[in-house]
Amino acid sequence: LPPGTGHSGYLAAMQRLALPAIRNFAPDVL
């Protein structure tokens, strides 16, 4: 992420990229 991403940017990156990848992987533990 670029410097200065900020609060809403972090939440957006989580929602759009990180969380879907984890959901698709379906781990036994996070």
mmCIF file of all heavy atoms, coordinates in Angstrom:
data_MODEL
# 
_entry.id   MODEL 
# 
loop_
_atom_site.group_PDB 
_atom_site.id 
_atom_site.type_symbol 
_atom_site.label_atom_id 
_atom_site.label_alt_id 
_atom_site.label_comp_id 
_atom_site.label_asym_id 
_atom_site.label_entity_id 
_atom_site.label_seq_id 
_atom_site.pdbx_PDB_ins_code 
_atom_site.Cartn_x 
_atom_site.Cartn_y 
_atom_site.Cartn_z 
_atom_site.occupancy 
_atom_site.B_iso_or_equiv 
_atom_site.pdbx_formal_charge 
_atom_site.auth_seq_id 
_atom_site.auth_comp_id 
_atom_site.auth_asym_id 
_atom_site.auth_atom_id 
_atom_site.pdbx_PDB_model_num 
ATOM 1   N N   . LEU A 1 1  ? 0.835   -1.196  0.000  1.00 0.00 ? 1  LEU A N   1 
ATOM 2   C CA  . LEU A 1 1  ? 0.000   0.000   0.000  1.00 0.00 ? 1  LEU A CA  1 
ATOM 3   C C   . LEU A 1 1  ? 0.874   1.252   0.000  1.00 0.00 ? 1  LEU A C   1 
ATOM 4   O O   . LEU A 1 1  ? 1.980   1.249   0.551  1.00 0.00 ? 1  LEU A O   1 
ATOM 5   C CB  . LEU A 1 1  ? -0.906  0.007   1.236  1.00 0.00 ? 1  LEU A CB  1 
ATOM 6   C CG  . LEU A 1 1  ? -1.900  -1.153  1.336  1.00 0.00 ? 1  LEU A CG  1 
ATOM 7   C CD1 . LEU A 1 1  ? -2.593  -1.146  2.695  1.00 0.00 ? 1  LEU A CD1 1 
ATOM 8   C CD2 . LEU A 1 1  ? -2.920  -1.074  0.207  1.00 0.00 ? 1  LEU A CD2 1 
ATOM 9   N N   . PRO A 1 2  ? 0.393   2.337   -0.581 1.00 0.00 ? 2  PRO A N   1 
ATOM 10  C CA  . PRO A 1 2  ? 1.202   3.560   -0.633 1.00 0.00 ? 2  PRO A CA  1 
ATOM 11  C C   . PRO A 1 2  ? 1.233   4.252   0.734  1.00 0.00 ? 2  PRO A C   1 
ATOM 12  O O   . PRO A 1 2  ? 0.288   4.137   1.521  1.00 0.00 ? 2  PRO A O   1 
ATOM 13  C CB  . PRO A 1 2  ? 0.457   4.419   -1.659 1.00 0.00 ? 2  PRO A CB  1 
ATOM 14  C CG  . PRO A 1 2  ? -0.966  3.970   -1.565 1.00 0.00 ? 2  PRO A CG  1 
ATOM 15  C CD  . PRO A 1 2  ? -0.905  2.495   -1.280 1.00 0.00 ? 2  PRO A CD  1 
ATOM 16  N N   . PRO A 1 3  ? 2.316   4.975   1.016  1.00 0.00 ? 3  PRO A N   1 
ATOM 17  C CA  . PRO A 1 3  ? 2.360   5.752   2.267  1.00 0.00 ? 3  PRO A CA  1 
ATOM 18  C C   . PRO A 1 3  ? 1.148   6.674   2.366  1.00 0.00 ? 3  PRO A C   1 
ATOM 19  O O   . PRO A 1 3  ? 0.685   7.229   1.361  1.00 0.00 ? 3  PRO A O   1 
ATOM 20  C CB  . PRO A 1 3  ? 3.659   6.556   2.123  1.00 0.00 ? 3  PRO A CB  1 
ATOM 21  C CG  . PRO A 1 3  ? 4.503   5.753   1.204  1.00 0.00 ? 3  PRO A CG  1 
ATOM 22  C CD  . PRO A 1 3  ? 3.550   5.122   0.227  1.00 0.00 ? 3  PRO A CD  1 
ATOM 23  N N   . GLY A 1 4  ? 0.619   6.806   3.586  1.00 0.00 ? 4  GLY A N   1 
ATOM 24  C CA  . GLY A 1 4  ? -0.533  7.672   3.803  1.00 0.00 ? 4  GLY A CA  1 
ATOM 25  C C   . GLY A 1 4  ? -1.872  7.022   3.557  1.00 0.00 ? 4  GLY A C   1 
ATOM 26  O O   . GLY A 1 4  ? -2.898  7.703   3.491  1.00 0.00 ? 4  GLY A O   1 
ATOM 27  N N   . THR A 1 5  ? -1.907  5.691   3.455  1.00 0.00 ? 5  THR A N   1 
ATOM 28  C CA  . THR A 1 5  ? -3.155  4.991   3.126  1.00 0.00 ? 5  THR A CA  1 
ATOM 29  C C   . THR A 1 5  ? -4.292  5.348   4.081  1.00 0.00 ? 5  THR A C   1 
ATOM 30  O O   . THR A 1 5  ? -5.430  5.565   3.673  1.00 0.00 ? 5  THR A O   1 
ATOM 31  C CB  . THR A 1 5  ? -2.924  3.469   3.104  1.00 0.00 ? 5  THR A CB  1 
ATOM 32  O OG1 . THR A 1 5  ? -2.179  3.139   1.937  1.00 0.00 ? 5  THR A OG1 1 
ATOM 33  C CG2 . THR A 1 5  ? -4.231  2.709   3.094  1.00 0.00 ? 5  THR A CG2 1 
ATOM 34  N N   . GLY A 1 6  ? -4.034  5.395   5.375  1.00 0.00 ? 6  GLY A N   1 
ATOM 35  C CA  . GLY A 1 6  ? -5.045  5.862   6.318  1.00 0.00 ? 6  GLY A CA  1 
ATOM 36  C C   . GLY A 1 6  ? -6.102  4.851   6.705  1.00 0.00 ? 6  GLY A C   1 
ATOM 37  O O   . GLY A 1 6  ? -6.129  3.713   6.230  1.00 0.00 ? 6  GLY A O   1 
ATOM 38  N N   . HIS A 1 7  ? -6.990  5.310   7.585  1.00 0.00 ? 7  HIS A N   1 
ATOM 39  C CA  . HIS A 1 7  ? -8.007  4.454   8.212  1.00 0.00 ? 7  HIS A CA  1 
ATOM 40  C C   . HIS A 1 7  ? -8.916  3.786   7.186  1.00 0.00 ? 7  HIS A C   1 
ATOM 41  O O   . HIS A 1 7  ? -9.004  2.552   7.131  1.00 0.00 ? 7  HIS A O   1 
ATOM 42  C CB  . HIS A 1 7  ? -8.834  5.299   9.181  1.00 0.00 ? 7  HIS A CB  1 
ATOM 43  C CG  . HIS A 1 7  ? -10.019 4.602   9.759  1.00 0.00 ? 7  HIS A CG  1 
ATOM 44  N ND1 . HIS A 1 7  ? -9.918  3.704   10.799 1.00 0.00 ? 7  HIS A ND1 1 
ATOM 45  C CD2 . HIS A 1 7  ? -11.342 4.651   9.439  1.00 0.00 ? 7  HIS A CD2 1 
ATOM 46  C CE1 . HIS A 1 7  ? -11.122 3.234   11.103 1.00 0.00 ? 7  HIS A CE1 1 
ATOM 47  N NE2 . HIS A 1 7  ? -12.005 3.788   10.285 1.00 0.00 ? 7  HIS A NE2 1 
ATOM 48  N N   . SER A 1 8  ? -9.580  4.582   6.349  1.00 0.00 ? 8  SER A N   1 
ATOM 49  C CA  . SER A 1 8  ? -10.541 3.991   5.410  1.00 0.00 ? 8  SER A CA  1 
ATOM 50  C C   . SER A 1 8  ? -9.839  3.142   4.363  1.00 0.00 ? 8  SER A C   1 
ATOM 51  O O   . SER A 1 8  ? -10.386 2.129   3.905  1.00 0.00 ? 8  SER A O   1 
ATOM 52  C CB  . SER A 1 8  ? -11.376 5.085   4.742  1.00 0.00 ? 8  SER A CB  1 
ATOM 53  O OG  . SER A 1 8  ? -10.555 5.965   3.988  1.00 0.00 ? 8  SER A OG  1 
ATOM 54  N N   . GLY A 1 9  ? -8.602  3.513   4.010  1.00 0.00 ? 9  GLY A N   1 
ATOM 55  C CA  . GLY A 1 9  ? -7.851  2.730   3.033  1.00 0.00 ? 9  GLY A CA  1 
ATOM 56  C C   . GLY A 1 9  ? -7.500  1.350   3.548  1.00 0.00 ? 9  GLY A C   1 
ATOM 57  O O   . GLY A 1 9  ? -7.577  0.355   2.805  1.00 0.00 ? 9  GLY A O   1 
ATOM 58  N N   . TYR A 1 10 ? -7.118  1.265   4.816  1.00 0.00 ? 10 TYR A N   1 
ATOM 59  C CA  . TYR A 1 10 ? -6.814  -0.041  5.398  1.00 0.00 ? 10 TYR A CA  1 
ATOM 60  C C   . TYR A 1 10 ? -8.060  -0.928  5.419  1.00 0.00 ? 10 TYR A C   1 
ATOM 61  O O   . TYR A 1 10 ? -7.992  -2.114  5.074  1.00 0.00 ? 10 TYR A O   1 
ATOM 62  C CB  . TYR A 1 10 ? -6.254  0.117   6.811  1.00 0.00 ? 10 TYR A CB  1 
ATOM 63  C CG  . TYR A 1 10 ? -4.749  0.005   6.851  1.00 0.00 ? 10 TYR A CG  1 
ATOM 64  C CD1 . TYR A 1 10 ? -3.943  1.118   6.646  1.00 0.00 ? 10 TYR A CD1 1 
ATOM 65  C CD2 . TYR A 1 10 ? -4.127  -1.220  7.056  1.00 0.00 ? 10 TYR A CD2 1 
ATOM 66  C CE1 . TYR A 1 10 ? -2.563  1.020   6.658  1.00 0.00 ? 10 TYR A CE1 1 
ATOM 67  C CE2 . TYR A 1 10 ? -2.749  -1.331  7.062  1.00 0.00 ? 10 TYR A CE2 1 
ATOM 68  C CZ  . TYR A 1 10 ? -1.971  -0.214  6.867  1.00 0.00 ? 10 TYR A CZ  1 
ATOM 69  O OH  . TYR A 1 10 ? -0.600  -0.329  6.859  1.00 0.00 ? 10 TYR A OH  1 
ATOM 70  N N   . LEU A 1 11 ? -9.184  -0.353  5.822  1.00 0.00 ? 11 LEU A N   1 
ATOM 71  C CA  . LEU A 1 11 ? -10.410 -1.155  5.873  1.00 0.00 ? 11 LEU A CA  1 
ATOM 72  C C   . LEU A 1 11 ? -10.819 -1.622  4.482  1.00 0.00 ? 11 LEU A C   1 
ATOM 73  O O   . LEU A 1 11 ? -11.295 -2.749  4.312  1.00 0.00 ? 11 LEU A O   1 
ATOM 74  C CB  . LEU A 1 11 ? -11.524 -0.351  6.529  1.00 0.00 ? 11 LEU A CB  1 
ATOM 75  C CG  . LEU A 1 11 ? -11.271 0.096   7.978  1.00 0.00 ? 11 LEU A CG  1 
ATOM 76  C CD1 . LEU A 1 11 ? -12.509 0.783   8.548  1.00 0.00 ? 11 LEU A CD1 1 
ATOM 77  C CD2 . LEU A 1 11 ? -10.852 -1.070  8.867  1.00 0.00 ? 11 LEU A CD2 1 
ATOM 78  N N   . ALA A 1 12 ? -10.611 -0.757  3.485  1.00 0.00 ? 12 ALA A N   1 
ATOM 79  C CA  . ALA A 1 12 ? -10.949 -1.142  2.118  1.00 0.00 ? 12 ALA A CA  1 
ATOM 80  C C   . ALA A 1 12 ? -10.041 -2.256  1.610  1.00 0.00 ? 12 ALA A C   1 
ATOM 81  O O   . ALA A 1 12 ? -10.500 -3.218  0.969  1.00 0.00 ? 12 ALA A O   1 
ATOM 82  C CB  . ALA A 1 12 ? -10.847 0.077   1.198  1.00 0.00 ? 12 ALA A CB  1 
ATOM 83  N N   . ALA A 1 13 ? -8.731  -2.158  1.896  1.00 0.00 ? 13 ALA A N   1 
ATOM 84  C CA  . ALA A 1 13 ? -7.794  -3.207  1.468  1.00 0.00 ? 13 ALA A CA  1 
ATOM 85  C C   . ALA A 1 13 ? -8.125  -4.532  2.132  1.00 0.00 ? 13 ALA A C   1 
ATOM 86  O O   . ALA A 1 13 ? -8.032  -5.599  1.501  1.00 0.00 ? 13 ALA A O   1 
ATOM 87  C CB  . ALA A 1 13 ? -6.363  -2.787  1.800  1.00 0.00 ? 13 ALA A CB  1 
ATOM 88  N N   . MET A 1 14 ? -8.522  -4.481  3.376  1.00 0.00 ? 14 MET A N   1 
ATOM 89  C CA  . MET A 1 14 ? -8.940  -5.703  4.066  1.00 0.00 ? 14 MET A CA  1 
ATOM 90  C C   . MET A 1 14 ? -10.168 -6.296  3.384  1.00 0.00 ? 14 MET A C   1 
ATOM 91  O O   . MET A 1 14 ? -10.204 -7.491  3.070  1.00 0.00 ? 14 MET A O   1 
ATOM 92  C CB  . MET A 1 14 ? -9.243  -5.382  5.532  1.00 0.00 ? 14 MET A CB  1 
ATOM 93  C CG  . MET A 1 14 ? -8.028  -5.075  6.392  1.00 0.00 ? 14 MET A CG  1 
ATOM 94  S SD  . MET A 1 14 ? -7.171  -6.553  6.963  1.00 0.00 ? 14 MET A SD  1 
ATOM 95  C CE  . MET A 1 14 ? -8.337  -7.135  8.201  1.00 0.00 ? 14 MET A CE  1 
ATOM 96  N N   . GLN A 1 15 ? -11.180 -5.457  3.179  1.00 0.00 ? 15 GLN A N   1 
ATOM 97  C CA  . GLN A 1 15 ? -12.454 -5.934  2.663  1.00 0.00 ? 15 GLN A CA  1 
ATOM 98  C C   . GLN A 1 15 ? -12.353 -6.435  1.231  1.00 0.00 ? 15 GLN A C   1 
ATOM 99  O O   . GLN A 1 15 ? -12.977 -7.439  0.859  1.00 0.00 ? 15 GLN A O   1 
ATOM 100 C CB  . GLN A 1 15 ? -13.491 -4.800  2.748  1.00 0.00 ? 15 GLN A CB  1 
ATOM 101 C CG  . GLN A 1 15 ? -14.926 -5.273  2.617  1.00 0.00 ? 15 GLN A CG  1 
ATOM 102 C CD  . GLN A 1 15 ? -15.348 -6.130  3.807  1.00 0.00 ? 15 GLN A CD  1 
ATOM 103 O OE1 . GLN A 1 15 ? -15.070 -5.807  4.956  1.00 0.00 ? 15 GLN A OE1 1 
ATOM 104 N NE2 . GLN A 1 15 ? -16.020 -7.243  3.530  1.00 0.00 ? 15 GLN A NE2 1 
ATOM 105 N N   . ARG A 1 16 ? -11.540 -5.775  0.423  1.00 0.00 ? 16 ARG A N   1 
ATOM 106 C CA  . ARG A 1 16 ? -11.496 -6.083  -1.007 1.00 0.00 ? 16 ARG A CA  1 
ATOM 107 C C   . ARG A 1 16 ? -10.474 -7.156  -1.374 1.00 0.00 ? 16 ARG A C   1 
ATOM 108 O O   . ARG A 1 16 ? -10.645 -7.859  -2.379 1.00 0.00 ? 16 ARG A O   1 
ATOM 109 C CB  . ARG A 1 16 ? -11.219 -4.797  -1.794 1.00 0.00 ? 16 ARG A CB  1 
ATOM 110 C CG  . ARG A 1 16 ? -12.348 -3.798  -1.693 1.00 0.00 ? 16 ARG A CG  1 
ATOM 111 C CD  . ARG A 1 16 ? -11.974 -2.426  -2.230 1.00 0.00 ? 16 ARG A CD  1 
ATOM 112 N NE  . ARG A 1 16 ? -11.661 -2.432  -3.658 1.00 0.00 ? 16 ARG A NE  1 
ATOM 113 C CZ  . ARG A 1 16 ? -11.444 -1.314  -4.367 1.00 0.00 ? 16 ARG A CZ  1 
ATOM 114 N NH1 . ARG A 1 16 ? -11.530 -0.126  -3.767 1.00 0.00 ? 16 ARG A NH1 1 
ATOM 115 N NH2 . ARG A 1 16 ? -11.166 -1.397  -5.656 1.00 0.00 ? 16 ARG A NH2 1 
ATOM 116 N N   . LEU A 1 17 ? -9.406  -7.303  -0.583 1.00 0.00 ? 17 LEU A N   1 
ATOM 117 C CA  . LEU A 1 17 ? -8.328  -8.209  -0.959 1.00 0.00 ? 17 LEU A CA  1 
ATOM 118 C C   . LEU A 1 17 ? -8.009  -9.265  0.088  1.00 0.00 ? 17 LEU A C   1 
ATOM 119 O O   . LEU A 1 17 ? -8.030  -10.463 -0.196 1.00 0.00 ? 17 LEU A O   1 
ATOM 120 C CB  . LEU A 1 17 ? -7.068  -7.391  -1.284 1.00 0.00 ? 17 LEU A CB  1 
ATOM 121 C CG  . LEU A 1 17 ? -7.157  -6.504  -2.519 1.00 0.00 ? 17 LEU A CG  1 
ATOM 122 C CD1 . LEU A 1 17 ? -6.040  -5.465  -2.522 1.00 0.00 ? 17 LEU A CD1 1 
ATOM 123 C CD2 . LEU A 1 17 ? -7.088  -7.342  -3.780 1.00 0.00 ? 17 LEU A CD2 1 
ATOM 124 N N   . ALA A 1 18 ? -7.694  -8.836  1.306  1.00 0.00 ? 18 ALA A N   1 
ATOM 125 C CA  . ALA A 1 18 ? -7.209  -9.783  2.307  1.00 0.00 ? 18 ALA A CA  1 
ATOM 126 C C   . ALA A 1 18 ? -8.291  -10.761 2.763  1.00 0.00 ? 18 ALA A C   1 
ATOM 127 O O   . ALA A 1 18 ? -8.078  -11.986 2.771  1.00 0.00 ? 18 ALA A O   1 
ATOM 128 C CB  . ALA A 1 18 ? -6.648  -9.014  3.511  1.00 0.00 ? 18 ALA A CB  1 
ATOM 129 N N   . LEU A 1 19 ? -9.436  -10.236 3.148  1.00 0.00 ? 19 LEU A N   1 
ATOM 130 C CA  . LEU A 1 19 ? -10.475 -11.106 3.701  1.00 0.00 ? 19 LEU A CA  1 
ATOM 131 C C   . LEU A 1 19 ? -11.032 -12.100 2.682  1.00 0.00 ? 19 LEU A C   1 
ATOM 132 O O   . LEU A 1 19 ? -11.228 -13.280 3.012  1.00 0.00 ? 19 LEU A O   1 
ATOM 133 C CB  . LEU A 1 19 ? -11.599 -10.263 4.317  1.00 0.00 ? 19 LEU A CB  1 
ATOM 134 C CG  . LEU A 1 19 ? -11.174 -9.307  5.444  1.00 0.00 ? 19 LEU A CG  1 
ATOM 135 C CD1 . LEU A 1 19 ? -12.382 -8.552  5.980  1.00 0.00 ? 19 LEU A CD1 1 
ATOM 136 C CD2 . LEU A 1 19 ? -10.475 -10.063 6.580  1.00 0.00 ? 19 LEU A CD2 1 
ATOM 137 N N   . PRO A 1 20 ? -11.294 -11.697 1.429  1.00 0.00 ? 20 PRO A N   1 
ATOM 138 C CA  . PRO A 1 20 ? -11.764 -12.691 0.448  1.00 0.00 ? 20 PRO A CA  1 
ATOM 139 C C   . PRO A 1 20 ? -10.762 -13.816 0.218  1.00 0.00 ? 20 PRO A C   1 
ATOM 140 O O   . PRO A 1 20 ? -11.164 -14.988 0.055  1.00 0.00 ? 20 PRO A O   1 
ATOM 141 C CB  . PRO A 1 20 ? -11.978 -11.860 -0.816 1.00 0.00 ? 20 PRO A CB  1 
ATOM 142 C CG  . PRO A 1 20 ? -12.235 -10.484 -0.328 1.00 0.00 ? 20 PRO A CG  1 
ATOM 143 C CD  . PRO A 1 20 ? -11.369 -10.320 0.881  1.00 0.00 ? 20 PRO A CD  1 
ATOM 144 N N   . ALA A 1 21 ? -9.465  -13.500 0.203  1.00 0.00 ? 21 ALA A N   1 
ATOM 145 C CA  . ALA A 1 21 ? -8.458  -14.548 0.002  1.00 0.00 ? 21 ALA A CA  1 
ATOM 146 C C   . ALA A 1 21 ? -8.502  -15.563 1.132  1.00 0.00 ? 21 ALA A C   1 
ATOM 147 O O   . ALA A 1 21 ? -8.409  -16.776 0.906  1.00 0.00 ? 21 ALA A O   1 
ATOM 148 C CB  . ALA A 1 21 ? -7.066  -13.924 -0.103 1.00 0.00 ? 21 ALA A CB  1 
ATOM 149 N N   . ILE A 1 22 ? -8.648  -15.070 2.357  1.00 0.00 ? 22 ILE A N   1 
ATOM 150 C CA  . ILE A 1 22 ? -8.701  -15.977 3.513  1.00 0.00 ? 22 ILE A CA  1 
ATOM 151 C C   . ILE A 1 22 ? -9.991  -16.792 3.486  1.00 0.00 ? 22 ILE A C   1 
ATOM 152 O O   . ILE A 1 22 ? -9.994  -18.002 3.762  1.00 0.00 ? 22 ILE A O   1 
ATOM 153 C CB  . ILE A 1 22 ? -8.562  -15.181 4.810  1.00 0.00 ? 22 ILE A CB  1 
ATOM 154 C CG1 . ILE A 1 22 ? -7.186  -14.507 4.872  1.00 0.00 ? 22 ILE A CG1 1 
ATOM 155 C CG2 . ILE A 1 22 ? -8.765  -16.082 6.030  1.00 0.00 ? 22 ILE A CG2 1 
ATOM 156 C CD1 . ILE A 1 22 ? -7.054  -13.442 5.943  1.00 0.00 ? 22 ILE A CD1 1 
ATOM 157 N N   . ARG A 1 23 ? -11.075 -16.146 3.155  1.00 0.00 ? 23 ARG A N   1 
ATOM 158 C CA  . ARG A 1 23 ? -12.356 -16.865 3.087  1.00 0.00 ? 23 ARG A CA  1 
ATOM 159 C C   . ARG A 1 23 ? -12.289 -17.991 2.060  1.00 0.00 ? 23 ARG A C   1 
ATOM 160 O O   . ARG A 1 23 ? -12.742 -19.116 2.306  1.00 0.00 ? 23 ARG A O   1 
ATOM 161 C CB  . ARG A 1 23 ? -13.487 -15.887 2.753  1.00 0.00 ? 23 ARG A CB  1 
ATOM 162 C CG  . ARG A 1 23 ? -14.867 -16.530 2.740  1.00 0.00 ? 23 ARG A CG  1 
ATOM 163 C CD  . ARG A 1 23 ? -15.944 -15.511 2.394  1.00 0.00 ? 23 ARG A CD  1 
ATOM 164 N NE  . ARG A 1 23 ? -16.045 -14.470 3.394  1.00 0.00 ? 23 ARG A NE  1 
ATOM 165 C CZ  . ARG A 1 23 ? -16.729 -14.587 4.531  1.00 0.00 ? 23 ARG A CZ  1 
ATOM 166 N NH1 . ARG A 1 23 ? -17.376 -15.716 4.806  1.00 0.00 ? 23 ARG A NH1 1 
ATOM 167 N NH2 . ARG A 1 23 ? -16.787 -13.591 5.384  1.00 0.00 ? 23 ARG A NH2 1 
ATOM 168 N N   . ASN A 1 24 ? -11.706 -17.713 0.913  1.00 0.00 ? 24 ASN A N   1 
ATOM 169 C CA  . ASN A 1 24 ? -11.607 -18.737 -0.134 1.00 0.00 ? 24 ASN A CA  1 
ATOM 170 C C   . ASN A 1 24 ? -10.705 -19.895 0.296  1.00 0.00 ? 24 ASN A C   1 
ATOM 171 O O   . ASN A 1 24 ? -10.929 -21.044 -0.091 1.00 0.00 ? 24 ASN A O   1 
ATOM 172 C CB  . ASN A 1 24 ? -11.067 -18.113 -1.416 1.00 0.00 ? 24 ASN A CB  1 
ATOM 173 C CG  . ASN A 1 24 ? -12.078 -17.197 -2.089 1.00 0.00 ? 24 ASN A CG  1 
ATOM 174 O OD1 . ASN A 1 24 ? -13.279 -17.303 -1.851 1.00 0.00 ? 24 ASN A OD1 1 
ATOM 175 N ND2 . ASN A 1 24 ? -11.595 -16.285 -2.923 1.00 0.00 ? 24 ASN A ND2 1 
ATOM 176 N N   . PHE A 1 25 ? -9.697  -19.604 1.092  1.00 0.00 ? 25 PHE A N   1 
ATOM 177 C CA  . PHE A 1 25 ? -8.778  -20.640 1.550  1.00 0.00 ? 25 PHE A CA  1 
ATOM 178 C C   . PHE A 1 25 ? -9.413  -21.541 2.606  1.00 0.00 ? 25 PHE A C   1 
ATOM 179 O O   . PHE A 1 25 ? -9.075  -22.720 2.714  1.00 0.00 ? 25 PHE A O   1 
ATOM 180 C CB  . PHE A 1 25 ? -7.518  -19.969 2.111  1.00 0.00 ? 25 PHE A CB  1 
ATOM 181 C CG  . PHE A 1 25 ? -6.473  -20.931 2.606  1.00 0.00 ? 25 PHE A CG  1 
ATOM 182 C CD1 . PHE A 1 25 ? -5.725  -21.688 1.715  1.00 0.00 ? 25 PHE A CD1 1 
ATOM 183 C CD2 . PHE A 1 25 ? -6.218  -21.082 3.971  1.00 0.00 ? 25 PHE A CD2 1 
ATOM 184 C CE1 . PHE A 1 25 ? -4.747  -22.570 2.167  1.00 0.00 ? 25 PHE A CE1 1 
ATOM 185 C CE2 . PHE A 1 25 ? -5.253  -21.959 4.431  1.00 0.00 ? 25 PHE A CE2 1 
ATOM 186 C CZ  . PHE A 1 25 ? -4.516  -22.706 3.526  1.00 0.00 ? 25 PHE A CZ  1 
ATOM 187 N N   . ALA A 1 26 ? -10.337 -20.987 3.407  1.00 0.00 ? 26 ALA A N   1 
ATOM 188 C CA  . ALA A 1 26 ? -11.044 -21.746 4.442  1.00 0.00 ? 26 ALA A CA  1 
ATOM 189 C C   . ALA A 1 26 ? -10.094 -22.434 5.420  1.00 0.00 ? 26 ALA A C   1 
ATOM 190 O O   . ALA A 1 26 ? -10.035 -23.672 5.492  1.00 0.00 ? 26 ALA A O   1 
ATOM 191 C CB  . ALA A 1 26 ? -11.993 -22.766 3.807  1.00 0.00 ? 26 ALA A CB  1 
ATOM 192 N N   . PRO A 1 27 ? -9.342  -21.656 6.197  1.00 0.00 ? 27 PRO A N   1 
ATOM 193 C CA  . PRO A 1 27 ? -8.382  -22.256 7.132  1.00 0.00 ? 27 PRO A CA  1 
ATOM 194 C C   . PRO A 1 27 ? -9.065  -22.865 8.353  1.00 0.00 ? 27 PRO A C   1 
ATOM 195 O O   . PRO A 1 27 ? -10.235 -22.574 8.638  1.00 0.00 ? 27 PRO A O   1 
ATOM 196 C CB  . PRO A 1 27 ? -7.526  -21.053 7.542  1.00 0.00 ? 27 PRO A CB  1 
ATOM 197 C CG  . PRO A 1 27 ? -8.489  -19.905 7.493  1.00 0.00 ? 27 PRO A CG  1 
ATOM 198 C CD  . PRO A 1 27 ? -9.366  -20.187 6.288  1.00 0.00 ? 27 PRO A CD  1 
ATOM 199 N N   . ASP A 1 28 ? -8.305  -23.673 9.078  1.00 0.00 ? 28 ASP A N   1 
ATOM 200 C CA  . ASP A 1 28 ? -8.772  -24.199 10.363 1.00 0.00 ? 28 ASP A CA  1 
ATOM 201 C C   . ASP A 1 28 ? -8.610  -23.167 11.469 1.00 0.00 ? 28 ASP A C   1 
ATOM 202 O O   . ASP A 1 28 ? -9.268  -23.260 12.505 1.00 0.00 ? 28 ASP A O   1 
ATOM 203 C CB  . ASP A 1 28 ? -7.969  -25.454 10.746 1.00 0.00 ? 28 ASP A CB  1 
ATOM 204 C CG  . ASP A 1 28 ? -8.123  -26.575 9.743  1.00 0.00 ? 28 ASP A CG  1 
ATOM 205 O OD1 . ASP A 1 28 ? -9.232  -26.708 9.179  1.00 0.00 ? 28 ASP A OD1 1 
ATOM 206 O OD2 . ASP A 1 28 ? -7.140  -27.308 9.514  1.00 0.00 ? 28 ASP A OD2 1 
ATOM 207 N N   . VAL A 1 29 ? -7.718  -22.192 11.260 1.00 0.00 ? 29 VAL A N   1 
ATOM 208 C CA  . VAL A 1 29 ? -7.467  -21.147 12.253 1.00 0.00 ? 29 VAL A CA  1 
ATOM 209 C C   . VAL A 1 29 ? -6.886  -19.945 11.519 1.00 0.00 ? 29 VAL A C   1 
ATOM 210 O O   . VAL A 1 29 ? -6.202  -20.086 10.499 1.00 0.00 ? 29 VAL A O   1 
ATOM 211 C CB  . VAL A 1 29 ? -6.496  -21.641 13.352 1.00 0.00 ? 29 VAL A CB  1 
ATOM 212 C CG1 . VAL A 1 29 ? -5.140  -22.046 12.775 1.00 0.00 ? 29 VAL A CG1 1 
ATOM 213 C CG2 . VAL A 1 29 ? -6.315  -20.607 14.472 1.00 0.00 ? 29 VAL A CG2 1 
ATOM 214 N N   . LEU A 1 30 ? -7.172  -18.763 12.034 1.00 0.00 ? 30 LEU A N   1 
ATOM 215 C CA  . LEU A 1 30 ? -6.652  -17.524 11.466 1.00 0.00 ? 30 LEU A CA  1 
ATOM 216 C C   . LEU A 1 30 ? -5.674  -16.906 12.467 1.00 0.00 ? 30 LEU A C   1 
ATOM 217 O O   . LEU A 1 30 ? -6.017  -16.691 13.634 1.00 0.00 ? 30 LEU A O   1 
ATOM 218 C CB  . LEU A 1 30 ? -7.800  -16.555 11.177 1.00 0.00 ? 30 LEU A CB  1 
ATOM 219 C CG  . LEU A 1 30 ? -7.441  -15.144 10.700 1.00 0.00 ? 30 LEU A CG  1 
ATOM 220 C CD1 . LEU A 1 30 ? -6.539  -15.181 9.480  1.00 0.00 ? 30 LEU A CD1 1 
ATOM 221 C CD2 . LEU A 1 30 ? -8.716  -14.347 10.416 1.00 0.00 ? 30 LEU A CD2 1 
# 
